[in-house]
């Protein structure tokens, strides 16, 4: 299964520890395509159906996915955790994700 940056994929996040987001849920692929092609792991941000507005939470409303991309819970997972692909993130939302990632982790 080819996995690309900014795709929404269904991921089994269990087992988890403490306050990590758990369950099988949609996640956004953050890792760049070159990493996704050559490594057996990908970097994802979970999507939750309930959240409060927060600088590291990006609201998303797409066909099968409504909720919040949780950029403060980014994690690296093995590709075998991916169960299904849902589709690509819309360009305006990609821009919001990039801005939030830059503000949070770069600047």
C-alpha atoms as a PDB file:
ATOM      1  CA  UNK A   1       0.000   0.000   0.000  1.00  0.00           C
ATOM      2  CA  UNK A   2       1.496   3.331  -1.064  1.00  0.00           C
ATOM      3  CA  UNK A   3       1.150   5.958   1.648  1.00  0.00           C
ATOM      4  CA  UNK A   4       1.540   9.649   0.846  1.00  0.00           C
ATOM      5  CA  UNK A   5       1.980  12.818   2.859  1.00  0.00           C
ATOM      6  CA  UNK A   6      -1.292  14.515   3.829  1.00  0.00           C
ATOM      7  CA  UNK A   7      -3.376  11.381   3.266  1.00  0.00           C
ATOM      8  CA  UNK A   8      -5.933  10.432   5.872  1.00  0.00           C
ATOM      9  CA  UNK A   9      -5.509   6.804   6.897  1.00  0.00           C
ATOM     10  CA  UNK A  10      -7.228   4.539   9.403  1.00  0.00           C
ATOM     11  CA  UNK A  11      -4.709   3.459  12.058  1.00  0.00           C
ATOM     12  CA  UNK A  12      -4.798   1.061  15.004  1.00  0.00           C
ATOM     13  CA  UNK A  13      -3.013   3.106  17.702  1.00  0.00           C
ATOM     14  CA  UNK A  14      -3.249   0.494  20.479  1.00  0.00           C
ATOM     15  CA  UNK A  15      -1.482  -0.290  22.730  1.00  0.00           C
ATOM     16  CA  UNK A  16      -0.926   3.138  24.235  1.00  0.00           C
ATOM     17  CA  UNK A  17       0.359   4.504  27.535  1.00  0.00           C
ATOM     18  CA  UNK A  18      -1.063   7.262  29.719  1.00  0.00           C
ATOM     19  CA  UNK A  19      -2.650  10.177  27.882  1.00  0.00           C
ATOM     20  CA  UNK A  20      -1.736   9.051  24.355  1.00  0.00           C
ATOM     21  CA  UNK A  21      -4.673   8.978  21.942  1.00  0.00           C
ATOM     22  CA  UNK A  22      -5.839   5.392  21.600  1.00  0.00           C
ATOM     23  CA  UNK A  23      -8.200   3.198  19.557  1.00  0.00           C
ATOM     24  CA  UNK A  24      -8.455   2.707  15.822  1.00  0.00           C
ATOM     25  CA  UNK A  25      -9.029   6.116  14.279  1.00  0.00           C
ATOM     26  CA  UNK A  26      -8.302   8.289  11.266  1.00  0.00           C
ATOM     27  CA  UNK A  27      -4.857   9.879  11.249  1.00  0.00           C
ATOM     28  CA  UNK A  28      -3.082  12.357   9.014  1.00  0.00           C
ATOM     29  CA  UNK A  29       0.222  11.286   7.457  1.00  0.00           C
ATOM     30  CA  UNK A  30       2.800  14.000   8.243  1.00  0.00           C
ATOM     31  CA  UNK A  31       5.995  12.325   7.006  1.00  0.00           C
ATOM     32  CA  UNK A  32       7.219  13.334   3.524  1.00  0.00           C
ATOM     33  CA  UNK A  33       6.760  11.023   0.544  1.00  0.00           C
ATOM     34  CA  UNK A  34      10.459  10.130   0.292  1.00  0.00           C
ATOM     35  CA  UNK A  35      10.451   8.797   3.868  1.00  0.00           C
ATOM     36  CA  UNK A  36       7.140   7.038   3.248  1.00  0.00           C
ATOM     37  CA  UNK A  37       8.598   5.223   0.219  1.00  0.00           C
ATOM     38  CA  UNK A  38      11.837   4.080   1.846  1.00  0.00           C
ATOM     39  CA  UNK A  39      11.111   3.464   5.538  1.00  0.00           C
ATOM     40  CA  UNK A  40       8.848   0.925   7.206  1.00  0.00           C
ATOM     41  CA  UNK A  41       7.527   3.660   9.504  1.00  0.00           C
ATOM     42  CA  UNK A  42       5.464   6.803   8.941  1.00  0.00           C
ATOM     43  CA  UNK A  43       4.824   9.888  11.053  1.00  0.00           C
ATOM     44  CA  UNK A  44       1.150  10.569  11.786  1.00  0.00           C
ATOM     45  CA  UNK A  45      -1.075  12.947  13.711  1.00  0.00           C
ATOM     46  CA  UNK A  46      -4.249  11.383  15.154  1.00  0.00           C
ATOM     47  CA  UNK A  47      -7.664  12.838  14.378  1.00  0.00           C
ATOM     48  CA  UNK A  48     -10.206  13.085  17.187  1.00  0.00           C
ATOM     49  CA  UNK A  49     -13.920  13.775  16.949  1.00  0.00           C
ATOM     50  CA  UNK A  50     -13.966  16.102  19.946  1.00  0.00           C
ATOM     51  CA  UNK A  51     -11.605  18.850  20.993  1.00  0.00           C
ATOM     52  CA  UNK A  52     -11.459  22.454  22.054  1.00  0.00           C
ATOM     53  CA  UNK A  53      -9.888  25.138  19.880  1.00  0.00           C
ATOM     54  CA  UNK A  54      -6.147  25.086  20.514  1.00  0.00           C
ATOM     55  CA  UNK A  55      -3.179  26.237  18.380  1.00  0.00           C
ATOM     56  CA  UNK A  56      -2.044  22.618  17.772  1.00  0.00           C
ATOM     57  CA  UNK A  57      -5.531  21.356  16.812  1.00  0.00           C
ATOM     58  CA  UNK A  58      -6.722  21.871  13.239  1.00  0.00           C
ATOM     59  CA  UNK A  59     -10.424  21.483  12.510  1.00  0.00           C
ATOM     60  CA  UNK A  60     -11.199  19.138   9.629  1.00  0.00           C
ATOM     61  CA  UNK A  61     -14.416  18.449   7.749  1.00  0.00           C
ATOM     62  CA  UNK A  62     -14.049  15.990   4.892  1.00  0.00           C
ATOM     63  CA  UNK A  63     -16.320  13.311   3.479  1.00  0.00           C
ATOM     64  CA  UNK A  64     -15.721  10.542   6.056  1.00  0.00           C
ATOM     65  CA  UNK A  65     -13.721  12.567   8.549  1.00  0.00           C
ATOM     66  CA  UNK A  66     -14.951  15.322  10.869  1.00  0.00           C
ATOM     67  CA  UNK A  67     -13.031  16.463  13.900  1.00  0.00           C
ATOM     68  CA  UNK A  68      -9.626  17.815  14.854  1.00  0.00           C
ATOM     69  CA  UNK A  69      -6.107  16.935  13.682  1.00  0.00           C
ATOM     70  CA  UNK A  70      -4.126  16.674  16.917  1.00  0.00           C
ATOM     71  CA  UNK A  71      -0.643  18.012  16.119  1.00  0.00           C
ATOM     72  CA  UNK A  72       0.413  17.831  19.782  1.00  0.00           C
ATOM     73  CA  UNK A  73       0.165  14.003  19.636  1.00  0.00           C
ATOM     74  CA  UNK A  74       2.355  13.325  16.589  1.00  0.00           C
ATOM     75  CA  UNK A  75       3.914   9.871  16.636  1.00  0.00           C
ATOM     76  CA  UNK A  76       5.879   7.467  14.482  1.00  0.00           C
ATOM     77  CA  UNK A  77       4.169   4.170  13.694  1.00  0.00           C
ATOM     78  CA  UNK A  78       4.933   1.041  11.711  1.00  0.00           C
ATOM     79  CA  UNK A  79       3.086   0.967   8.380  1.00  0.00           C
ATOM     80  CA  UNK A  80       1.488  -2.325   9.451  1.00  0.00           C
ATOM     81  CA  UNK A  81      -0.760  -0.302  11.782  1.00  0.00           C
ATOM     82  CA  UNK A  82      -2.448   1.316   8.738  1.00  0.00           C
ATOM     83  CA  UNK A  83      -5.701  -0.505   7.982  1.00  0.00           C
ATOM     84  CA  UNK A  84      -7.156   1.616   5.188  1.00  0.00           C
ATOM     85  CA  UNK A  85      -6.726   4.846   3.208  1.00  0.00           C
ATOM     86  CA  UNK A  86      -9.531   7.421   3.241  1.00  0.00           C
ATOM     87  CA  UNK A  87      -8.204  10.097   0.885  1.00  0.00           C
ATOM     88  CA  UNK A  88      -6.168  13.272   0.712  1.00  0.00           C
ATOM     89  CA  UNK A  89      -6.455  16.365   2.863  1.00  0.00           C
ATOM     90  CA  UNK A  90      -7.841  19.445   1.112  1.00  0.00           C
ATOM     91  CA  UNK A  91      -5.295  22.148   0.181  1.00  0.00           C
ATOM     92  CA  UNK A  92      -6.645  24.876   2.528  1.00  0.00           C
ATOM     93  CA  UNK A  93      -6.395  22.451   5.466  1.00  0.00           C
ATOM     94  CA  UNK A  94      -2.874  21.407   4.409  1.00  0.00           C
ATOM     95  CA  UNK A  95      -1.871  25.080   4.625  1.00  0.00           C
ATOM     96  CA  UNK A  96      -3.274  25.319   8.175  1.00  0.00           C
ATOM     97  CA  UNK A  97      -1.439  22.135   9.196  1.00  0.00           C
ATOM     98  CA  UNK A  98       1.862  23.414   7.764  1.00  0.00           C
ATOM     99  CA  UNK A  99       1.471  26.759   9.536  1.00  0.00           C
ATOM    100  CA  UNK A 100       0.670  25.106  12.874  1.00  0.00           C
ATOM    101  CA  UNK A 101       3.600  22.667  12.528  1.00  0.00           C
ATOM    102  CA  UNK A 102       5.989  25.514  11.722  1.00  0.00           C
ATOM    103  CA  UNK A 103       4.759  27.695  14.604  1.00  0.00           C
ATOM    104  CA  UNK A 104       4.852  24.807  17.074  1.00  0.00           C
ATOM    105  CA  UNK A 105       8.016  22.923  16.164  1.00  0.00           C
ATOM    106  CA  UNK A 106      10.208  25.260  14.080  1.00  0.00           C
ATOM    107  CA  UNK A 107       9.849  28.881  15.210  1.00  0.00           C
END
